[in-house]
Amino acid sequence: LSFAHGANDVANAVGPLAAIVQASGSGDFVHAVPIPSWVMVIGAFGISFGLFLFGPKLIRMVGGQITKLNPMRAYCVALSAAITVIVASWLGLPVSSTHIAVGAVFGVGFFREWDAERRTRNARLAMPNPTDFAPEERRRRKLVRRSHFITIVAAWLITVPAAAILSGTIFILINSAIG
């Protein structure tokens, strides 16, 4: 997963910087941009520093607060996220490995909920006098925290338009200041 993360997310950050370096150096925009080593070092340092500063809080939330992960579930999350990111990188798709990993955590959690419900339903059918759970008990038995799910989906839906609007606003401000 770390390899996949480096193959995709660092490229997402370094690609625009490489284009800026190319355009400022030659004044020309070309299809293939040679990437200087120092640009790659900045990308690696930036992603490492960001992980150092803000990573622990996100690691705690993704690794333990969305749903409970044991070693097998965590392995399934990491492997599926790595395969997805590597395939996307191979296809040239700029995806977020963080979003993919969080989606994999949700996938494991929702599968656990579905499987637990299926087992409970089969156990009730096997009983002579099946008892149903109260709605409060059924809500308590959910294995994915819905508050985190709603927050993360909202963040996914808000960040792309917010970044586009912010980027456009910054461009207009810089363009009006320079030209």
C-alpha atoms as a PDB file:
ATOM      1  CA  LEU A   1       0.000   0.000   0.000  1.00  0.00           C
ATOM      2  CA  SER A   2       2.889   2.379   0.683  1.00  0.00           C
ATOM      3  CA  PHE A   3       4.305   1.631  -2.770  1.00  0.00           C
ATOM      4  CA  ALA A   4       0.900   2.305  -4.326  1.00  0.00           C
ATOM      5  CA  HIS A   5       0.542   5.483  -2.295  1.00  0.00           C
ATOM      6  CA  GLY A   6       3.920   6.719  -3.526  1.00  0.00           C
ATOM      7  CA  ALA A   7       3.141   5.719  -7.105  1.00  0.00           C
ATOM      8  CA  ASN A   8      -0.057   7.749  -7.189  1.00  0.00           C
ATOM      9  CA  ASP A   9      -0.417  10.455  -4.533  1.00  0.00           C
ATOM     10  CA  VAL A  10       3.119  11.796  -4.814  1.00  0.00           C
ATOM     11  CA  ALA A  11       2.637  11.971  -8.574  1.00  0.00           C
ATOM     12  CA  ASN A  12      -0.612  13.880  -8.052  1.00  0.00           C
ATOM     13  CA  ALA A  13       1.282  16.483  -6.026  1.00  0.00           C
ATOM     14  CA  VAL A  14       4.506  16.529  -8.023  1.00  0.00           C
ATOM     15  CA  GLY A  15       2.892  16.625 -11.492  1.00  0.00           C
ATOM     16  CA  PRO A  16       1.685  20.227 -11.249  1.00  0.00           C
ATOM     17  CA  LEU A  17       5.004  21.304  -9.692  1.00  0.00           C
ATOM     18  CA  ALA A  18       6.932  19.652 -12.534  1.00  0.00           C
ATOM     19  CA  ALA A  19       4.744  21.491 -15.052  1.00  0.00           C
ATOM     20  CA  ILE A  20       5.364  24.797 -13.254  1.00  0.00           C
ATOM     21  CA  VAL A  21       9.134  24.183 -13.251  1.00  0.00           C
ATOM     22  CA  GLN A  22       9.029  23.314 -16.975  1.00  0.00           C
ATOM     23  CA  ALA A  23       6.902  26.345 -17.892  1.00  0.00           C
ATOM     24  CA  SER A  24       8.960  28.788 -15.823  1.00  0.00           C
ATOM     25  CA  GLY A  25      12.254  27.429 -17.161  1.00  0.00           C
ATOM     26  CA  SER A  26      11.469  27.255 -20.856  1.00  0.00           C
ATOM     27  CA  GLY A  27       8.218  29.189 -21.177  1.00  0.00           C
ATOM     28  CA  ASP A  28       6.876  26.255 -23.162  1.00  0.00           C
ATOM     29  CA  PHE A  29       4.150  23.745 -22.374  1.00  0.00           C
ATOM     30  CA  VAL A  30       4.924  20.263 -23.612  1.00  0.00           C
ATOM     31  CA  HIS A  31       3.195  16.929 -23.299  1.00  0.00           C
ATOM     32  CA  ALA A  32       6.089  15.076 -21.633  1.00  0.00           C
ATOM     33  CA  VAL A  33       7.766  16.994 -18.840  1.00  0.00           C
ATOM     34  CA  PRO A  34      11.139  15.848 -17.510  1.00  0.00           C
ATOM     35  CA  ILE A  35      10.951  15.745 -13.716  1.00  0.00           C
ATOM     36  CA  PRO A  36      14.040  17.022 -11.896  1.00  0.00           C
ATOM     37  CA  SER A  37      15.197  14.959  -8.925  1.00  0.00           C
ATOM     38  CA  TRP A  38      14.779  17.888  -6.532  1.00  0.00           C
ATOM     39  CA  VAL A  39      11.057  18.038  -7.424  1.00  0.00           C
ATOM     40  CA  MET A  40      10.690  14.359  -6.503  1.00  0.00           C
ATOM     41  CA  VAL A  41      12.549  14.992  -3.220  1.00  0.00           C
ATOM     42  CA  ILE A  42      10.183  17.870  -2.409  1.00  0.00           C
ATOM     43  CA  GLY A  43       7.196  15.584  -3.104  1.00  0.00           C
ATOM     44  CA  ALA A  44       8.587  12.809  -0.908  1.00  0.00           C
ATOM     45  CA  PHE A  45       9.443  15.242   1.874  1.00  0.00           C
ATOM     46  CA  GLY A  46       6.042  16.908   1.652  1.00  0.00           C
ATOM     47  CA  ILE A  47       4.084  13.689   1.910  1.00  0.00           C
ATOM     48  CA  SER A  48       6.292  12.490   4.801  1.00  0.00           C
ATOM     49  CA  PHE A  49       5.962  15.782   6.682  1.00  0.00           C
ATOM     50  CA  GLY A  50       2.181  15.803   6.169  1.00  0.00           C
ATOM     51  CA  LEU A  51       1.977  12.258   7.518  1.00  0.00           C
ATOM     52  CA  PHE A  52       4.091  13.267  10.516  1.00  0.00           C
ATOM     53  CA  LEU A  53       1.931  16.302  11.335  1.00  0.00           C
ATOM     54  CA  PHE A  54      -1.598  15.162  10.558  1.00  0.00           C
ATOM     55  CA  GLY A  55      -1.324  11.395  10.090  1.00  0.00           C
ATOM     56  CA  PRO A  56      -1.802  10.145  13.663  1.00  0.00           C
ATOM     57  CA  LYS A  57      -5.318  11.565  14.010  1.00  0.00           C
ATOM     58  CA  LEU A  58      -6.423  10.115  10.663  1.00  0.00           C
ATOM     59  CA  ILE A  59      -4.717   6.795  11.348  1.00  0.00           C
ATOM     60  CA  ARG A  60      -6.643   6.472  14.636  1.00  0.00           C
ATOM     61  CA  MET A  61      -9.949   7.297  12.945  1.00  0.00           C
ATOM     62  CA  VAL A  62      -9.507   5.076   9.884  1.00  0.00           C
ATOM     63  CA  GLY A  63      -7.796   2.247  11.767  1.00  0.00           C
ATOM     64  CA  GLY A  64     -10.086   1.981  14.746  1.00  0.00           C
ATOM     65  CA  GLN A  65     -13.068   4.299  14.860  1.00  0.00           C
ATOM     66  CA  ILE A  66     -14.911   3.553  11.610  1.00  0.00           C
ATOM     67  CA  THR A  67     -15.136  -0.182  12.280  1.00  0.00           C
ATOM     68  CA  LYS A  68     -13.075  -2.658  14.265  1.00  0.00           C
ATOM     69  CA  LEU A  69     -10.178  -4.118  12.314  1.00  0.00           C
ATOM     70  CA  ASN A  70      -8.335  -7.282  13.199  1.00  0.00           C
ATOM     71  CA  PRO A  71      -5.193  -8.383  11.317  1.00  0.00           C
ATOM     72  CA  MET A  72      -7.173 -10.282   8.640  1.00  0.00           C
ATOM     73  CA  ARG A  73      -9.555  -7.376   7.984  1.00  0.00           C
ATOM     74  CA  ALA A  74      -6.688  -4.890   7.910  1.00  0.00           C
ATOM     75  CA  TYR A  75      -4.816  -7.110   5.441  1.00  0.00           C
ATOM     76  CA  CYS A  76      -7.889  -7.237   3.180  1.00  0.00           C
ATOM     77  CA  VAL A  77      -8.193  -3.438   3.372  1.00  0.00           C
ATOM     78  CA  ALA A  78      -4.509  -2.885   2.561  1.00  0.00           C
ATOM     79  CA  LEU A  79      -4.378  -5.440  -0.252  1.00  0.00           C
ATOM     80  CA  SER A  80      -7.576  -4.278  -1.962  1.00  0.00           C
ATOM     81  CA  ALA A  81      -6.572  -0.616  -1.656  1.00  0.00           C
ATOM     82  CA  ALA A  82      -3.084  -1.331  -3.006  1.00  0.00           C
ATOM     83  CA  ILE A  83      -4.419  -3.287  -5.984  1.00  0.00           C
ATOM     84  CA  THR A  84      -6.961  -0.563  -6.767  1.00  0.00           C
ATOM     85  CA  VAL A  85      -4.394   2.256  -6.557  1.00  0.00           C
ATOM     86  CA  ILE A  86      -1.770   0.356  -8.584  1.00  0.00           C
ATOM     87  CA  VAL A  87      -4.302  -0.440 -11.335  1.00  0.00           C
ATOM     88  CA  ALA A  88      -5.429   3.216 -11.357  1.00  0.00           C
ATOM     89  CA  SER A  89      -1.778   4.352 -11.551  1.00  0.00           C
ATOM     90  CA  TRP A  90      -1.123   1.908 -14.385  1.00  0.00           C
ATOM     91  CA  LEU A  91      -4.125   3.362 -16.230  1.00  0.00           C
ATOM     92  CA  GLY A  92      -2.895   6.901 -15.549  1.00  0.00           C
ATOM     93  CA  LEU A  93      -5.834   7.811 -13.305  1.00  0.00           C
ATOM     94  CA  PRO A  94      -5.057  10.356 -10.568  1.00  0.00           C
ATOM     95  CA  VAL A  95      -6.963   8.807  -7.666  1.00  0.00           C
ATOM     96  CA  SER A  96      -6.630   9.356  -3.933  1.00  0.00           C
ATOM     97  CA  SER A  97      -5.144   6.355  -2.187  1.00  0.00           C
ATOM     98  CA  THR A  98      -6.535   7.699   1.087  1.00  0.00           C
ATOM     99  CA  HIS A  99     -10.085   7.729  -0.277  1.00  0.00           C
ATOM    100  CA  ILE A 100      -9.598   4.229  -1.651  1.00  0.00           C
ATOM    101  CA  ALA A 101      -8.258   2.904   1.663  1.00  0.00           C
ATOM    102  CA  VAL A 102     -11.153   4.468   3.588  1.00  0.00           C
ATOM    103  CA  GLY A 103     -13.570   2.971   1.064  1.00  0.00           C
ATOM    104  CA  ALA A 104     -11.968  -0.426   1.669  1.00  0.00           C
ATOM    105  CA  VAL A 105     -12.442  -0.009   5.436  1.00  0.00           C
ATOM    106  CA  PHE A 106     -16.114   0.782   4.831  1.00  0.00           C
ATOM    107  CA  GLY A 107     -16.346  -2.246   2.533  1.00  0.00           C
ATOM    108  CA  VAL A 108     -15.014  -4.569   5.245  1.00  0.00           C
ATOM    109  CA  GLY A 109     -17.314  -3.014   7.854  1.00  0.00           C
ATOM    110  CA  PHE A 110     -20.447  -3.162   5.705  1.00  0.00           C
ATOM    111  CA  PHE A 111     -19.655  -6.751   4.724  1.00  0.00           C
ATOM    112  CA  ARG A 112     -19.354  -7.616   8.416  1.00  0.00           C
ATOM    113  CA  GLU A 113     -22.769  -6.023   9.054  1.00  0.00           C
ATOM    114  CA  TRP A 114     -24.361  -7.922   6.174  1.00  0.00           C
ATOM    115  CA  ASP A 115     -22.762 -11.203   7.281  1.00  0.00           C
ATOM    116  CA  ALA A 116     -23.791 -10.712  10.929  1.00  0.00           C
ATOM    117  CA  GLU A 117     -27.370  -9.947   9.857  1.00  0.00           C
ATOM    118  CA  ARG A 118     -27.410 -13.023   7.603  1.00  0.00           C
ATOM    119  CA  ARG A 119     -26.129 -15.244  10.425  1.00  0.00           C
ATOM    120  CA  THR A 120     -28.655 -13.803  12.870  1.00  0.00           C
ATOM    121  CA  ARG A 121     -31.499 -14.344  10.390  1.00  0.00           C
ATOM    122  CA  ASN A 122     -30.395 -17.974   9.785  1.00  0.00           C
ATOM    123  CA  ALA A 123     -30.125 -18.588  13.525  1.00  0.00           C
ATOM    124  CA  ARG A 124     -33.648 -17.184  14.069  1.00  0.00           C
ATOM    125  CA  LEU A 125     -35.040 -19.436  11.343  1.00  0.00           C
ATOM    126  CA  ALA A 126     -33.487 -22.459  13.066  1.00  0.00           C
ATOM    127  CA  MET A 127     -35.071 -21.566  16.444  1.00  0.00           C
ATOM    128  CA  PRO A 128     -38.563 -22.840  17.278  1.00  0.00           C
ATOM    129  CA  ASN A 129     -39.608 -19.454  18.778  1.00  0.00           C
ATOM    130  CA  PRO A 130     -37.521 -16.761  17.105  1.00  0.00           C
ATOM    131  CA  THR A 131     -37.192 -13.487  18.997  1.00  0.00           C
ATOM    132  CA  ASP A 132     -36.595 -10.250  17.140  1.00  0.00           C
ATOM    133  CA  PHE A 133     -34.306  -7.495  18.366  1.00  0.00           C
ATOM    134  CA  ALA A 134     -35.706  -4.128  19.368  1.00  0.00           C
ATOM    135  CA  PRO A 135     -34.888  -1.236  16.991  1.00  0.00           C
ATOM    136  CA  GLU A 136     -32.475   0.260  19.562  1.00  0.00           C
ATOM    137  CA  GLU A 137     -30.620  -3.030  19.814  1.00  0.00           C
ATOM    138  CA  ARG A 138     -30.504  -3.351  16.026  1.00  0.00           C
ATOM    139  CA  ARG A 139     -28.970   0.174  15.749  1.00  0.00           C
ATOM    140  CA  ARG A 140     -26.454  -0.666  18.474  1.00  0.00           C
ATOM    141  CA  ARG A 141     -25.338  -3.750  16.579  1.00  0.00           C
ATOM    142  CA  LYS A 142     -24.275  -1.783  13.484  1.00  0.00           C
ATOM    143  CA  LEU A 143     -20.601  -2.460  12.875  1.00  0.00           C
ATOM    144  CA  VAL A 144     -19.816   0.730  10.912  1.00  0.00           C
ATOM    145  CA  ARG A 145     -20.209   4.027  12.710  1.00  0.00           C
ATOM    146  CA  ARG A 146     -22.723   5.941  10.644  1.00  0.00           C
ATOM    147  CA  SER A 147     -21.545   9.339  11.907  1.00  0.00           C
ATOM    148  CA  HIS A 148     -18.060   8.711  10.464  1.00  0.00           C
ATOM    149  CA  PHE A 149     -19.567   7.372   7.237  1.00  0.00           C
ATOM    150  CA  ILE A 150     -21.700  10.490   6.735  1.00  0.00           C
ATOM    151  CA  THR A 151     -18.799  12.813   7.606  1.00  0.00           C
ATOM    152  CA  ILE A 152     -16.407  11.116   5.195  1.00  0.00           C
ATOM    153  CA  VAL A 153     -18.897  10.941   2.317  1.00  0.00           C
ATOM    154  CA  ALA A 154     -19.687  14.637   2.845  1.00  0.00           C
ATOM    155  CA  ALA A 155     -15.963  15.422   2.803  1.00  0.00           C
ATOM    156  CA  TRP A 156     -15.560  13.460  -0.451  1.00  0.00           C
ATOM    157  CA  LEU A 157     -18.432  15.388  -2.036  1.00  0.00           C
ATOM    158  CA  ILE A 158     -17.284  18.797  -0.784  1.00  0.00           C
ATOM    159  CA  THR A 159     -13.497  18.692  -1.314  1.00  0.00           C
ATOM    160  CA  VAL A 160     -13.403  18.470  -5.120  1.00  0.00           C
ATOM    161  CA  PRO A 161     -15.726  21.453  -5.792  1.00  0.00           C
ATOM    162  CA  ALA A 162     -14.155  23.404  -2.910  1.00  0.00           C
ATOM    163  CA  ALA A 163     -10.654  22.868  -4.319  1.00  0.00           C
ATOM    164  CA  ALA A 164     -11.849  23.855  -7.806  1.00  0.00           C
ATOM    165  CA  ILE A 165     -13.461  27.052  -6.527  1.00  0.00           C
ATOM    166  CA  LEU A 166     -10.441  27.917  -4.371  1.00  0.00           C
ATOM    167  CA  SER A 167      -8.052  27.234  -7.248  1.00  0.00           C
ATOM    168  CA  GLY A 168     -10.069  29.426  -9.621  1.00  0.00           C
ATOM    169  CA  THR A 169     -10.247  32.217  -7.041  1.00  0.00           C
ATOM    170  CA  ILE A 170      -6.492  32.114  -6.430  1.00  0.00           C
ATOM    171  CA  PHE A 171      -5.858  32.147 -10.183  1.00  0.00           C
ATOM    172  CA  ILE A 172      -8.108  35.209 -10.631  1.00  0.00           C
ATOM    173  CA  LEU A 173      -6.375  37.030  -7.751  1.00  0.00           C
ATOM    174  CA  ILE A 174      -2.863  36.259  -8.986  1.00  0.00           C
ATOM    175  CA  ASN A 175      -3.771  37.024 -12.594  1.00  0.00           C
ATOM    176  CA  SER A 176      -5.286  40.398 -11.634  1.00  0.00           C
ATOM    177  CA  ALA A 177      -2.275  41.238  -9.437  1.00  0.00           C
ATOM    178  CA  ILE A 178       0.255  40.395 -12.170  1.00  0.00           C
ATOM    179  CA  GLY A 179      -1.473  41.417 -15.312  1.00  0.00           C
END
